[in-house]
PDB file of N, CA and C in Angstrom:
ATOM      1  N   MET A   1    -252.438-158.541 -99.287  1.00  0.00           N
ATOM      2  CA  MET A   1    -251.539-157.466 -99.637  1.00  0.00           C
ATOM      3  C   MET A   1    -251.227-157.544-101.123  1.00  0.00           C
ATOM      4  N   ARG A   2    -251.272-156.436-101.779  1.00  0.00           N
ATOM      5  CA  ARG A   2    -250.859-156.367-103.172  1.00  0.00           C
ATOM      6  C   ARG A   2    -249.649-155.452-103.265  1.00  0.00           C
ATOM      7  N   GLY A   3    -248.601-155.960-103.876  1.00  0.00           N
ATOM      8  CA  GLY A   3    -247.450-155.137-104.177  1.00  0.00           C
ATOM      9  C   GLY A   3    -247.708-154.507-105.529  1.00  0.00           C
ATOM     10  N   GLU A   4    -246.660-154.046-106.164  1.00  0.00           N
ATOM     11  CA  GLU A   4    -246.813-153.442-107.473  1.00  0.00           C
ATOM     12  C   GLU A   4    -247.446-154.425-108.454  1.00  0.00           C
ATOM     13  N   GLN A   5    -247.019-155.685-108.400  1.00  0.00           N
ATOM     14  CA  GLN A   5    -247.572-156.681-109.313  1.00  0.00           C
ATOM     15  C   GLN A   5    -247.729-158.053-108.657  1.00  0.00           C
ATOM     16  N   TYR A   6    -247.759-158.102-107.351  1.00  0.00           N
ATOM     17  CA  TYR A   6    -247.853-159.370-106.631  1.00  0.00           C
ATOM     18  C   TYR A   6    -249.003-159.337-105.630  1.00  0.00           C
ATOM     19  N   GLU A   7    -249.537-160.525-105.321  1.00  0.00           N
ATOM     20  CA  GLU A   7    -250.506-160.659-104.243  1.00  0.00           C
ATOM     21  C   GLU A   7    -249.938-161.632-103.213  1.00  0.00           C
ATOM     22  N   MET A   8    -250.056-161.271-101.939  1.00  0.00           N
ATOM     23  CA  MET A   8    -249.570-162.130-100.862  1.00  0.00           C
ATOM     24  C   MET A   8    -250.737-162.875-100.234  1.00  0.00           C
ATOM     25  N   HIS A   9    -250.481-164.096 -99.806  1.00  0.00           N
ATOM     26  CA  HIS A   9    -251.473-164.842 -99.033  1.00  0.00           C
ATOM     27  C   HIS A   9    -250.754-165.702 -98.008  1.00  0.00           C
ATOM     28  N   GLU A  10    -251.513-166.320 -97.129  1.00  0.00           N
ATOM     29  CA  GLU A  10    -250.945-167.175 -96.096  1.00  0.00           C
ATOM     30  C   GLU A  10    -250.756-168.589 -96.634  1.00  0.00           C
ATOM     31  N   PRO A  11    -249.537-169.105 -96.559  1.00  0.00           N
ATOM     32  CA  PRO A  11    -249.317-170.494 -96.973  1.00  0.00           C
ATOM     33  C   PRO A  11    -249.979-171.449 -95.984  1.00  0.00           C
ATOM     34  N   ARG A  12    -250.214-172.674 -96.424  1.00  0.00           N
ATOM     35  CA  ARG A  12    -250.788-173.707 -95.552  1.00  0.00           C
ATOM     36  C   ARG A  12    -249.765-174.829 -95.386  1.00  0.00           C
ATOM     37  N   TRP A  13    -249.639-175.303 -94.143  1.00  0.00           N
ATOM     38  CA  TRP A  13    -248.726-176.402 -93.853  1.00  0.00           C
ATOM     39  C   TRP A  13    -249.281-177.232 -92.710  1.00  0.00           C
ATOM     40  N   ARG A  14    -248.721-178.460 -92.573  1.00  0.00           N
ATOM     41  CA  ARG A  14    -249.155-179.382 -91.513  1.00  0.00           C
ATOM     42  C   ARG A  14    -248.163-179.483 -90.369  1.00  0.00           C
ATOM     43  N   GLY A  15    -246.896-179.322 -90.654  1.00  0.00           N
ATOM     44  CA  GLY A  15    -245.854-179.447 -89.644  1.00  0.00           C
ATOM     45  C   GLY A  15    -244.708-178.510 -89.978  1.00  0.00           C
ATOM     46  N   THR A  16    -243.574-178.735 -89.339  1.00  0.00           N
ATOM     47  CA  THR A  16    -242.390-177.934 -89.626  1.00  0.00           C
ATOM     48  C   THR A  16    -241.211-178.860 -89.883  1.00  0.00           C
ATOM     49  N   ALA A  17    -240.231-178.343 -90.611  1.00  0.00           N
ATOM     50  CA  ALA A  17    -239.021-179.111 -90.915  1.00  0.00           C
ATOM     51  C   ALA A  17    -237.826-178.170 -90.914  1.00  0.00           C
ATOM     52  N   ASP A  18    -236.720-178.644 -90.356  1.00  0.00           N
ATOM     53  CA  ASP A  18    -235.478-177.876 -90.343  1.00  0.00           C
ATOM     54  C   ASP A  18    -234.579-178.225 -91.516  1.00  0.00           C
ATOM     55  N   SER A  19    -234.866-179.305 -92.189  1.00  0.00           N
ATOM     56  CA  SER A  19    -233.989-179.874 -93.196  1.00  0.00           C
ATOM     57  C   SER A  19    -233.743-178.931 -94.361  1.00  0.00           C
ATOM     58  N   ASP A  20    -232.508-178.982 -94.873  1.00  0.00           N
ATOM     59  CA  ASP A  20    -232.199-178.233 -96.085  1.00  0.00           C
ATOM     60  C   ASP A  20    -232.220-179.147 -97.305  1.00  0.00           C
ATOM     61  N   VAL A  21    -232.746-180.350 -97.133  1.00  0.00           N
ATOM     62  CA  VAL A  21    -232.822-181.310 -98.228  1.00  0.00           C
ATOM     63  C   VAL A  21    -234.275-181.532 -98.598  1.00  0.00           C
ATOM     64  N   ASN A  22    -234.550-181.453 -99.891  1.00  0.00           N
ATOM     65  CA  ASN A  22    -235.904-181.697-100.377  1.00  0.00           C
ATOM     66  C   ASN A  22    -236.296-183.127-100.058  1.00  0.00           C
ATOM     67  N   ALA A  23    -237.492-183.325 -99.520  1.00  0.00           N
ATOM     68  CA  ALA A  23    -237.939-184.638 -99.047  1.00  0.00           C
ATOM     69  C   ALA A  23    -238.079-185.667-100.163  1.00  0.00           C
ATOM     70  N   VAL A  24    -238.211-185.227-101.403  1.00  0.00           N
ATOM     71  CA  VAL A  24    -238.482-186.173-102.479  1.00  0.00           C
ATOM     72  C   VAL A  24    -237.226-186.585-103.231  1.00  0.00           C
ATOM     73  N   ASN A  25    -236.391-185.620-103.611  1.00  0.00           N
ATOM     74  CA  ASN A  25    -235.288-185.984-104.496  1.00  0.00           C
ATOM     75  C   ASN A  25    -233.894-185.739-103.926  1.00  0.00           C
ATOM     76  N   GLY A  26    -233.772-185.334-102.674  1.00  0.00           N
ATOM     77  CA  GLY A  26    -232.469-185.193-102.051  1.00  0.00           C
ATOM     78  C   GLY A  26    -231.635-184.030-102.530  1.00  0.00           C
ATOM     79  N   VAL A  27    -232.201-183.113-103.274  1.00  0.00           N
ATOM     80  CA  VAL A  27    -231.468-181.953-103.757  1.00  0.00           C
ATOM     81  C   VAL A  27    -231.548-180.858-102.698  1.00  0.00           C
ATOM     82  N   ARG A  28    -230.418-180.248-102.415  1.00  0.00           N
ATOM     83  CA  ARG A  28    -230.397-179.192-101.398  1.00  0.00           C
ATOM     84  C   ARG A  28    -231.272-178.024-101.834  1.00  0.00           C
ATOM     85  N   VAL A  29    -232.064-177.505-100.902  1.00  0.00           N
ATOM     86  CA  VAL A  29    -232.971-176.393-101.172  1.00  0.00           C
ATOM     87  C   VAL A  29    -232.220-175.206-101.744  1.00  0.00           C
ATOM     88  N   GLU A  30    -231.051-174.899-101.187  1.00  0.00           N
ATOM     89  CA  GLU A  30    -230.318-173.717-101.619  1.00  0.00           C
ATOM     90  C   GLU A  30    -229.825-173.819-103.060  1.00  0.00           C
ATOM     91  N   GLU A  31    -229.813-175.009-103.640  1.00  0.00           N
ATOM     92  CA  GLU A  31    -229.333-175.186-105.004  1.00  0.00           C
ATOM     93  C   GLU A  31    -230.420-174.973-106.049  1.00  0.00           C
ATOM     94  N   ILE A  32    -231.664-174.850-105.613  1.00  0.00           N
ATOM     95  CA  ILE A  32    -232.777-174.754-106.552  1.00  0.00           C
ATOM     96  C   ILE A  32    -233.550-173.480-106.290  1.00  0.00           C
ATOM     97  N   GLU A  33    -233.702-172.648-107.307  1.00  0.00           N
ATOM     98  CA  GLU A  33    -234.351-171.351-107.134  1.00  0.00           C
ATOM     99  C   GLU A  33    -235.783-171.464-106.636  1.00  0.00           C
ATOM    100  N   ASP A  34    -236.542-172.461-107.103  1.00  0.00           N
ATOM    101  CA  ASP A  34    -237.948-172.565-106.694  1.00  0.00           C
ATOM    102  C   ASP A  34    -238.117-173.362-105.409  1.00  0.00           C
ATOM    103  N   GLY A  35    -237.038-173.693-104.738  1.00  0.00           N
ATOM    104  CA  GLY A  35    -237.120-174.411-103.473  1.00  0.00           C
ATOM    105  C   GLY A  35    -237.298-175.901-103.626  1.00  0.00           C
ATOM    106  N   GLY A  36    -237.065-176.439-104.801  1.00  0.00           N
ATOM    107  CA  GLY A  36    -237.069-177.878-104.967  1.00  0.00           C
ATOM    108  C   GLY A  36    -238.395-178.494-105.352  1.00  0.00           C
ATOM    109  N   ALA A  37    -239.303-177.737-105.912  1.00  0.00           N
ATOM    110  CA  ALA A  37    -240.589-178.310-106.318  1.00  0.00           C
ATOM    111  C   ALA A  37    -240.353-179.425-107.324  1.00  0.00           C
ATOM    112  N   THR A  38    -241.079-180.530-107.172  1.00  0.00           N
ATOM    113  CA  THR A  38    -240.851-181.685-108.036  1.00  0.00           C
ATOM    114  C   THR A  38    -242.001-181.959-108.993  1.00  0.00           C
ATOM    115  N   GLY A  39    -243.085-181.280-108.884  1.00  0.00           N
ATOM    116  CA  GLY A  39    -244.241-181.482-109.757  1.00  0.00           C
ATOM    117  C   GLY A  39    -244.954-180.165-109.922  1.00  0.00           C
ATOM    118  N   PRO A  40    -246.234-180.224-110.283  1.00  0.00           N
ATOM    119  CA  PRO A  40    -246.996-178.975-110.379  1.00  0.00           C
ATOM    120  C   PRO A  40    -246.966-178.248-109.032  1.00  0.00           C
ATOM    121  N   ALA A  41    -246.795-176.957-109.084  1.00  0.00           N
ATOM    122  CA  ALA A  41    -246.694-176.173-107.858  1.00  0.00           C
ATOM    123  C   ALA A  41    -248.016-176.158-107.106  1.00  0.00           C
ATOM    124  N   ASP A  42    -247.932-176.230-105.795  1.00  0.00           N
ATOM    125  CA  ASP A  42    -249.101-176.083-104.937  1.00  0.00           C
ATOM    126  C   ASP A  42    -249.111-174.640-104.447  1.00  0.00           C
ATOM    127  N   PRO A  43    -250.066-173.831-104.885  1.00  0.00           N
ATOM    128  CA  PRO A  43    -250.092-172.420-104.482  1.00  0.00           C
ATOM    129  C   PRO A  43    -250.087-172.226-102.969  1.00  0.00           C
ATOM    130  N   ALA A  44    -250.578-173.200-102.220  1.00  0.00           N
ATOM    131  CA  ALA A  44    -250.609-173.094-100.760  1.00  0.00           C
ATOM    132  C   ALA A  44    -249.212-173.123-100.150  1.00  0.00           C
ATOM    133  N   HIS A  45    -248.188-173.442-100.949  1.00  0.00           N
ATOM    134  CA  HIS A  45    -246.816-173.519-100.460  1.00  0.00           C
ATOM    135  C   HIS A  45    -246.046-172.215-100.669  1.00  0.00           C
ATOM    136  N   TYR A  46    -246.684-171.217-101.245  1.00  0.00           N
ATOM    137  CA  TYR A  46    -246.021-169.965-101.619  1.00  0.00           C
ATOM    138  C   TYR A  46    -246.654-168.763-100.930  1.00  0.00           C
ATOM    139  N   LEU A  47    -245.860-167.699-100.768  1.00  0.00           N
ATOM    140  CA  LEU A  47    -246.365-166.448-100.196  1.00  0.00           C
ATOM    141  C   LEU A  47    -246.890-165.480-101.243  1.00  0.00           C
ATOM    142  N   LEU A  48    -246.344-165.514-102.458  1.00  0.00           N
ATOM    143  CA  LEU A  48    -246.676-164.509-103.470  1.00  0.00           C
ATOM    144  C   LEU A  48    -247.084-165.124-104.793  1.00  0.00           C
ATOM    145  N   SER A  49    -247.923-164.364-105.514  1.00  0.00           N
ATOM    146  CA  SER A  49    -248.269-164.707-106.891  1.00  0.00           C
ATOM    147  C   SER A  49    -248.409-163.415-107.685  1.00  0.00           C
ATOM    148  N   ARG A  50    -247.916-163.425-108.907  1.00  0.00           N
ATOM    149  CA  ARG A  50    -248.069-162.261-109.788  1.00  0.00           C
ATOM    150  C   ARG A  50    -249.504-162.099-110.274  1.00  0.00           C
ATOM    151  N   SER A  51    -250.245-163.207-110.359  1.00  0.00           N
ATOM    152  CA  SER A  51    -251.593-163.150-110.935  1.00  0.00           C
ATOM    153  C   SER A  51    -252.690-163.384-109.902  1.00  0.00           C
ATOM    154  N   GLY A  52    -252.354-163.378-108.631  1.00  0.00           N
ATOM    155  CA  GLY A  52    -253.345-163.601-107.585  1.00  0.00           C
ATOM    156  C   GLY A  52    -253.454-165.072-107.235  1.00  0.00           C
ATOM    157  N   PHE A  53    -254.368-165.368-106.329  1.00  0.00           N
ATOM    158  CA  PHE A  53    -254.599-166.744-105.885  1.00  0.00           C
ATOM    159  C   PHE A  53    -256.034-167.125-106.167  1.00  0.00           C
ATOM    160  N   PRO A  54    -256.269-168.212-106.870  1.00  0.00           N
ATOM    161  CA  PRO A  54    -255.264-169.118-107.429  1.00  0.00           C
ATOM    162  C   PRO A  54    -254.522-168.455-108.593  1.00  0.00           C
ATOM    163  N   PRO A  55    -253.269-168.849-108.814  1.00  0.00           N
ATOM    164  CA  PRO A  55    -252.479-168.233-109.878  1.00  0.00           C
ATOM    165  C   PRO A  55    -252.928-168.703-111.259  1.00  0.00           C
ATOM    166  N   ASP A  56    -252.664-167.859-112.250  1.00  0.00           N
ATOM    167  CA  ASP A  56    -252.946-168.243-113.636  1.00  0.00           C
ATOM    168  C   ASP A  56    -251.990-169.335-114.099  1.00  0.00           C
ATOM    169  N   ASP A  57    -250.765-169.326-113.562  1.00  0.00           N
ATOM    170  CA  ASP A  57    -249.718-170.243-114.000  1.00  0.00           C
ATOM    171  C   ASP A  57    -248.754-170.484-112.840  1.00  0.00           C
ATOM    172  N   ASP A  58    -248.141-171.662-112.786  1.00  0.00           N
ATOM    173  CA  ASP A  58    -247.159-171.960-111.743  1.00  0.00           C
ATOM    174  C   ASP A  58    -246.006-170.957-111.742  1.00  0.00           C
ATOM    175  N   ALA A  59    -245.651-170.438-112.913  1.00  0.00           N
ATOM    176  CA  ALA A  59    -244.540-169.494-113.014  1.00  0.00           C
ATOM    177  C   ALA A  59    -244.842-168.172-112.312  1.00  0.00           C
ATOM    178  N   ASP A  60    -246.106-167.917-111.992  1.00  0.00           N
ATOM    179  CA  ASP A  60    -246.485-166.691-111.288  1.00  0.00           C
ATOM    180  C   ASP A  60    -246.151-166.740-109.802  1.00  0.00           C
ATOM    181  N   LEU A  61    -245.874-167.917-109.277  1.00  0.00           N
ATOM    182  CA  LEU A  61    -245.651-168.093-107.843  1.00  0.00           C
ATOM    183  C   LEU A  61    -244.226-167.724-107.442  1.00  0.00           C
ATOM    184  N   GLU A  62    -244.097-167.096-106.289  1.00  0.00           N
ATOM    185  CA  GLU A  62    -242.796-166.704-105.737  1.00  0.00           C
ATOM    186  C   GLU A  62    -242.775-166.983-104.241  1.00  0.00           C
ATOM    187  N   LEU A  63    -241.596-167.149-103.710  1.00  0.00           N
ATOM    188  CA  LEU A  63    -241.324-167.288-102.285  1.00  0.00           C
ATOM    189  C   LEU A  63    -241.965-168.535-101.685  1.00  0.00           C
ATOM    190  N   ARG A  64    -241.459-169.674-102.137  1.00  0.00           N
ATOM    191  CA  ARG A  64    -241.924-170.958-101.598  1.00  0.00           C
ATOM    192  C   ARG A  64    -241.393-171.129-100.179  1.00  0.00           C
ATOM    193  N   VAL A  65    -242.270-171.485 -99.241  1.00  0.00           N
ATOM    194  CA  VAL A  65    -241.877-171.655 -97.839  1.00  0.00           C
ATOM    195  C   VAL A  65    -242.316-173.000 -97.263  1.00  0.00           C
ATOM    196  N   VAL A  66    -243.082-173.777 -98.027  1.00  0.00           N
ATOM    197  CA  VAL A  66    -243.580-175.084 -97.584  1.00  0.00           C
ATOM    198  C   VAL A  66    -243.009-176.146 -98.515  1.00  0.00           C
ATOM    199  N   ASP A  67    -242.462-177.226 -97.936  1.00  0.00           N
ATOM    200  CA  ASP A  67    -241.830-178.266 -98.746  1.00  0.00           C
ATOM    201  C   ASP A  67    -242.853-179.266 -99.293  1.00  0.00           C
ATOM    202  N   ASP A  68    -242.355-180.247-100.048  1.00  0.00           N
ATOM    203  CA  ASP A  68    -243.232-181.238-100.690  1.00  0.00           C
ATOM    204  C   ASP A  68    -244.005-182.093 -99.693  1.00  0.00           C
ATOM    205  N   ALA A  69    -243.511-182.186 -98.461  1.00  0.00           N
ATOM    206  CA  ALA A  69    -244.192-182.968 -97.422  1.00  0.00           C
ATOM    207  C   ALA A  69    -245.181-182.107 -96.633  1.00  0.00           C
ATOM    208  N   SER A  70    -245.468-180.914 -97.133  1.00  0.00           N
ATOM    209  CA  SER A  70    -246.394-179.949 -96.509  1.00  0.00           C
ATOM    210  C   SER A  70    -245.909-179.448 -95.156  1.00  0.00           C
ATOM    211  N   ASN A  71    -244.589-179.336 -95.015  1.00  0.00           N
ATOM    212  CA  ASN A  71    -243.999-178.770 -93.802  1.00  0.00           C
ATOM    213  C   ASN A  71    -243.506-177.359 -94.071  1.00  0.00           C
ATOM    214  N   LEU A  72    -243.799-176.452 -93.152  1.00  0.00           N
ATOM    215  CA  LEU A  72    -243.159-175.146 -93.178  1.00  0.00           C
ATOM    216  C   LEU A  72    -241.677-175.421 -92.968  1.00  0.00           C
ATOM    217  N   ASN A  73    -240.844-175.002 -93.914  1.00  0.00           N
ATOM    218  CA  ASN A  73    -239.445-175.413 -93.917  1.00  0.00           C
ATOM    219  C   ASN A  73    -238.535-174.228 -93.609  1.00  0.00           C
ATOM    220  N   ARG A  74    -237.723-174.391 -92.578  1.00  0.00           N
ATOM    221  CA  ARG A  74    -236.833-173.308 -92.142  1.00  0.00           C
ATOM    222  C   ARG A  74    -235.899-172.862 -93.261  1.00  0.00           C
ATOM    223  N   GLU A  75    -235.307-173.802 -93.968  1.00  0.00           N
ATOM    224  CA  GLU A  75    -234.375-173.436 -95.036  1.00  0.00           C
ATOM    225  C   GLU A  75    -235.094-172.743 -96.198  1.00  0.00           C
ATOM    226  N   LEU A  76    -236.321-173.154 -96.486  1.00  0.00           N
ATOM    227  CA  LEU A  76    -237.093-172.458 -97.519  1.00  0.00           C
ATOM    228  C   LEU A  76    -237.426-171.036 -97.083  1.00  0.00           C
ATOM    229  N   LEU A  77    -237.686-170.830 -95.800  1.00  0.00           N
ATOM    230  CA  LEU A  77    -237.939-169.474 -95.294  1.00  0.00           C
ATOM    231  C   LEU A  77    -236.707-168.591 -95.485  1.00  0.00           C
ATOM    232  N   TYR A  78    -235.524-169.129 -95.178  1.00  0.00           N
ATOM    233  CA  TYR A  78    -234.299-168.362 -95.403  1.00  0.00           C
ATOM    234  C   TYR A  78    -234.075-168.105 -96.897  1.00  0.00           C
ATOM    235  N   ALA A  79    -234.331-169.108 -97.722  1.00  0.00           N
ATOM    236  CA  ALA A  79    -234.196-168.931 -99.175  1.00  0.00           C
ATOM    237  C   ALA A  79    -235.180-167.879 -99.676  1.00  0.00           C
ATOM    238  N   ALA A  80    -236.384-167.849 -99.111  1.00  0.00           N
ATOM    239  CA  ALA A  80    -237.383-166.849 -99.506  1.00  0.00           C
ATOM    240  C   ALA A  80    -236.913-165.448 -99.132  1.00  0.00           C
ATOM    241  N   ARG A  81    -236.259-165.306 -97.987  1.00  0.00           N
ATOM    242  CA  ARG A  81    -235.727-163.986 -97.605  1.00  0.00           C
ATOM    243  C   ARG A  81    -234.655-163.533 -98.592  1.00  0.00           C
ATOM    244  N   ARG A  82    -233.792-164.468 -99.010  1.00  0.00           N
ATOM    245  CA  ARG A  82    -232.758-164.112 -99.992  1.00  0.00           C
ATOM    246  C   ARG A  82    -233.397-163.740-101.327  1.00  0.00           C
ATOM    247  N   ARG A  83    -234.376-164.514-101.763  1.00  0.00           N
ATOM    248  CA  ARG A  83    -235.056-164.256-103.036  1.00  0.00           C
ATOM    249  C   ARG A  83    -235.805-162.926-102.988  1.00  0.00           C
ATOM    250  N   LEU A  84    -236.415-162.620-101.855  1.00  0.00           N
ATOM    251  CA  LEU A  84    -237.162-161.373-101.703  1.00  0.00           C
ATOM    252  C   LEU A  84    -236.278-160.168-101.992  1.00  0.00           C
ATOM    253  N   ALA A  85    -235.033-160.218-101.557  1.00  0.00           N
ATOM    254  CA  ALA A  85    -234.106-159.112-101.788  1.00  0.00           C
ATOM    255  C   ALA A  85    -233.869-158.873-103.277  1.00  0.00           C
ATOM    256  N   GLU A  86    -234.032-159.913-104.105  1.00  0.00           N
ATOM    257  CA  GLU A  86    -233.776-159.821-105.548  1.00  0.00           C
ATOM    258  C   GLU A  86    -235.044-159.656-106.378  1.00  0.00           C
ATOM    259  N   LEU A  87    -236.210-159.736-105.751  1.00  0.00           N
ATOM    260  CA  LEU A  87    -237.475-159.777-106.474  1.00  0.00           C
ATOM    261  C   LEU A  87    -237.729-158.473-107.224  1.00  0.00           C
ATOM    262  N   PRO A  88    -237.917-158.544-108.553  1.00  0.00           N
ATOM    263  CA  PRO A  88    -238.146-157.327-109.329  1.00  0.00           C
ATOM    264  C   PRO A  88    -239.584-156.825-109.184  1.00  0.00           C
ATOM    265  N   GLY A  89    -239.764-155.530-109.378  1.00  0.00           N
ATOM    266  CA  GLY A  89    -241.100-154.952-109.450  1.00  0.00           C
ATOM    267  C   GLY A  89    -241.827-154.829-108.135  1.00  0.00           C
ATOM    268  N   LEU A  90    -241.119-154.904-107.037  1.00  0.00           N
ATOM    269  CA  LEU A  90    -241.758-154.799-105.732  1.00  0.00           C
ATOM    270  C   LEU A  90    -241.087-153.661-104.968  1.00  0.00           C
ATOM    271  N   ASP A  91    -241.893-152.692-104.561  1.00  0.00           N
ATOM    272  CA  ASP A  91    -241.374-151.523-103.855  1.00  0.00           C
ATOM    273  C   ASP A  91    -240.836-151.900-102.472  1.00  0.00           C
ATOM    274  N   PRO A  92    -240.010-151.033-101.879  1.00  0.00           N
ATOM    275  CA  PRO A  92    -239.430-151.327-100.568  1.00  0.00           C
ATOM    276  C   PRO A  92    -240.461-151.561 -99.457  1.00  0.00           C
ATOM    277  N   ALA A  93    -241.561-150.823 -99.440  1.00  0.00           N
ATOM    278  CA  ALA A  93    -242.552-150.992 -98.359  1.00  0.00           C
ATOM    279  C   ALA A  93    -243.176-152.391 -98.374  1.00  0.00           C
ATOM    280  N   PRO A  94    -243.673-152.891 -99.529  1.00  0.00           N
ATOM    281  CA  PRO A  94    -244.188-154.265 -99.542  1.00  0.00           C
ATOM    282  C   PRO A  94    -243.108-155.307 -99.240  1.00  0.00           C
ATOM    283  N   LYS A  95    -241.868-155.050 -99.684  1.00  0.00           N
ATOM    284  CA  LYS A  95    -240.776-155.979 -99.359  1.00  0.00           C
ATOM    285  C   LYS A  95    -240.570-156.048 -97.850  1.00  0.00           C
ATOM    286  N   ALA A  96    -240.671-154.901 -97.178  1.00  0.00           N
ATOM    287  CA  ALA A  96    -240.504-154.876 -95.721  1.00  0.00           C
ATOM    288  C   ALA A  96    -241.615-155.662 -95.032  1.00  0.00           C
ATOM    289  N   VAL A  97    -242.845-155.539 -95.528  1.00  0.00           N
ATOM    290  CA  VAL A  97    -243.971-156.291 -94.961  1.00  0.00           C
ATOM    291  C   VAL A  97    -243.735-157.789 -95.130  1.00  0.00           C
ATOM    292  N   LEU A  98    -243.297-158.188 -96.316  1.00  0.00           N
ATOM    293  CA  LEU A  98    -243.020-159.600 -96.577  1.00  0.00           C
ATOM    294  C   LEU A  98    -241.874-160.114 -95.712  1.00  0.00           C
ATOM    295  N   ASP A  99    -240.813-159.319 -95.583  1.00  0.00           N
ATOM    296  CA  ASP A  99    -239.698-159.752 -94.750  1.00  0.00           C
ATOM    297  C   ASP A  99    -240.144-159.887 -93.294  1.00  0.00           C
ATOM    298  N   ASP A 100    -240.979-158.967 -92.825  1.00  0.00           N
ATOM    299  CA  ASP A 100    -241.515-159.085 -91.463  1.00  0.00           C
ATOM    300  C   ASP A 100    -242.292-160.387 -91.294  1.00  0.00           C
ATOM    301  N   ARG A 101    -243.065-160.766 -92.318  1.00  0.00           N
ATOM    302  CA  ARG A 101    -243.839-162.010 -92.232  1.00  0.00           C
ATOM    303  C   ARG A 101    -242.912-163.223 -92.194  1.00  0.00           C
ATOM    304  N   LEU A 102    -241.866-163.212 -93.013  1.00  0.00           N
ATOM    305  CA  LEU A 102    -240.904-164.312 -93.012  1.00  0.00           C
ATOM    306  C   LEU A 102    -240.200-164.417 -91.659  1.00  0.00           C
ATOM    307  N   VAL A 103    -239.806-163.279 -91.097  1.00  0.00           N
ATOM    308  CA  VAL A 103    -239.172-163.270 -89.774  1.00  0.00           C
ATOM    309  C   VAL A 103    -240.151-163.794 -88.729  1.00  0.00           C
ATOM    310  N   GLU A 104    -241.404-163.377 -88.818  1.00  0.00           N
ATOM    311  CA  GLU A 104    -242.417-163.856 -87.873  1.00  0.00           C
ATOM    312  C   GLU A 104    -242.574-165.375 -87.945  1.00  0.00           C
ATOM    313  N   LEU A 105    -242.608-165.920 -89.159  1.00  0.00           N
ATOM    314  CA  LEU A 105    -242.716-167.374 -89.311  1.00  0.00           C
ATOM    315  C   LEU A 105    -241.500-168.081 -88.716  1.00  0.00           C
ATOM    316  N   LEU A 106    -240.313-167.532 -88.940  1.00  0.00           N
ATOM    317  CA  LEU A 106    -239.091-168.134 -88.396  1.00  0.00           C
ATOM    318  C   LEU A 106    -239.059-168.079 -86.871  1.00  0.00           C
ATOM    319  N   THR A 107    -239.468-166.968 -86.299  1.00  0.00           N
ATOM    320  CA  THR A 107    -239.389-166.835 -84.841  1.00  0.00           C
ATOM    321  C   THR A 107    -240.518-167.563 -84.132  1.00  0.00           C
ATOM    322  N   THR A 108    -241.664-167.689 -84.766  1.00  0.00           N
ATOM    323  CA  THR A 108    -242.807-168.358 -84.149  1.00  0.00           C
ATOM    324  C   THR A 108    -242.675-169.874 -84.205  1.00  0.00           C
ATOM    325  N   HIS A 109    -242.175-170.398 -85.317  1.00  0.00           N
ATOM    326  CA  HIS A 109    -242.185-171.845 -85.533  1.00  0.00           C
ATOM    327  C   HIS A 109    -240.818-172.515 -85.404  1.00  0.00           C
ATOM    328  N   PHE A 110    -239.761-171.713 -85.278  1.00  0.00           N
ATOM    329  CA  PHE A 110    -238.408-172.251 -85.155  1.00  0.00           C
ATOM    330  C   PHE A 110    -237.671-171.464 -84.077  1.00  0.00           C
ATOM    331  N   ASP A 111    -236.563-171.973 -83.605  1.00  0.00           N
ATOM    332  CA  ASP A 111    -235.776-171.288 -82.573  1.00  0.00           C
ATOM    333  C   ASP A 111    -234.848-170.255 -83.197  1.00  0.00           C
ATOM    334  N   GLU A 112    -235.429-169.279 -83.830  1.00  0.00           N
ATOM    335  CA  GLU A 112    -234.642-168.223 -84.464  1.00  0.00           C
ATOM    336  C   GLU A 112    -234.815-166.956 -83.635  1.00  0.00           C
ATOM    337  N   GLY A 113    -233.725-166.268 -83.359  1.00  0.00           N
ATOM    338  CA  GLY A 113    -233.805-165.037 -82.585  1.00  0.00           C
ATOM    339  C   GLY A 113    -234.335-163.893 -83.421  1.00  0.00           C
ATOM    340  N   GLU A 114    -235.464-163.341 -83.013  1.00  0.00           N
ATOM    341  CA  GLU A 114    -236.081-162.245 -83.766  1.00  0.00           C
ATOM    342  C   GLU A 114    -235.140-161.059 -83.884  1.00  0.00           C
ATOM    343  N   ARG A 115    -234.485-160.725 -82.805  1.00  0.00           N
ATOM    344  CA  ARG A 115    -233.580-159.580 -82.828  1.00  0.00           C
ATOM    345  C   ARG A 115    -232.469-159.800 -83.850  1.00  0.00           C
ATOM    346  N   GLN A 116    -231.916-160.989 -83.855  1.00  0.00           N
ATOM    347  CA  GLN A 116    -230.850-161.331 -84.802  1.00  0.00           C
ATOM    348  C   GLN A 116    -231.368-161.273 -86.238  1.00  0.00           C
ATOM    349  N   LEU A 117    -232.556-161.821 -86.492  1.00  0.00           N
ATOM    350  CA  LEU A 117    -233.116-161.842 -87.840  1.00  0.00           C
ATOM    351  C   LEU A 117    -233.488-160.450 -88.326  1.00  0.00           C
ATOM    352  N   ARG A 118    -234.086-159.646 -87.472  1.00  0.00           N
ATOM    353  CA  ARG A 118    -234.519-158.307 -87.880  1.00  0.00           C
ATOM    354  C   ARG A 118    -233.331-157.423 -88.218  1.00  0.00           C
ATOM    355  N   GLY A 119    -232.203-157.669 -87.575  1.00  0.00           N
ATOM    356  CA  GLY A 119    -231.020-156.873 -87.855  1.00  0.00           C
ATOM    357  C   GLY A 119    -230.248-157.351 -89.070  1.00  0.00           C
ATOM    358  N   ALA A 120    -230.547-158.556 -89.511  1.00  0.00           N
ATOM    359  CA  ALA A 120    -229.800-159.150 -90.626  1.00  0.00           C
ATOM    360  C   ALA A 120    -230.474-158.839 -91.946  1.00  0.00           C
ATOM    361  N   THR A 121    -229.701-158.356 -92.866  1.00  0.00           N
ATOM    362  CA  THR A 121    -230.208-158.161 -94.214  1.00  0.00           C
ATOM    363  C   THR A 121    -230.148-159.500 -94.926  1.00  0.00           C
ATOM    364  N   PRO A 122    -231.250-159.937 -95.557  1.00  0.00           N
ATOM    365  CA  PRO A 122    -231.206-161.214 -96.285  1.00  0.00           C
ATOM    366  C   PRO A 122    -230.082-161.201 -97.303  1.00  0.00           C
ATOM    367  N   GLN A 123    -229.298-162.249 -97.319  1.00  0.00           N
ATOM    368  CA  GLN A 123    -228.163-162.355 -98.250  1.00  0.00           C
ATOM    369  C   GLN A 123    -228.583-163.078 -99.500  1.00  0.00           C
TER     370      GLN A 123
END
């Protein structure tokens, strides 16, 4: 999927994690805009890139959903939904597709109620 200036792809992960704490440095995910990355970004941990995949630069990556331990992370998924609401240069239709994907990941891999999530506007 290409938005106005973004390309979406499927992230890769090995397991799942509910934790809101970054596995490496103990910083809460919600306190860090990029989701707590501690080194060079792994494009496989993100849903979007401004320059495609592989990205031209780590700064092109948006919506991190996989933590440093390669786990699909519930708190990162929620943070990605909040960030998506603020993402510049992306029309409402692509945002809706991305939000649907985030909701799908939450409901498929975690005990999140789809009905509750679909009705909730990301804060």
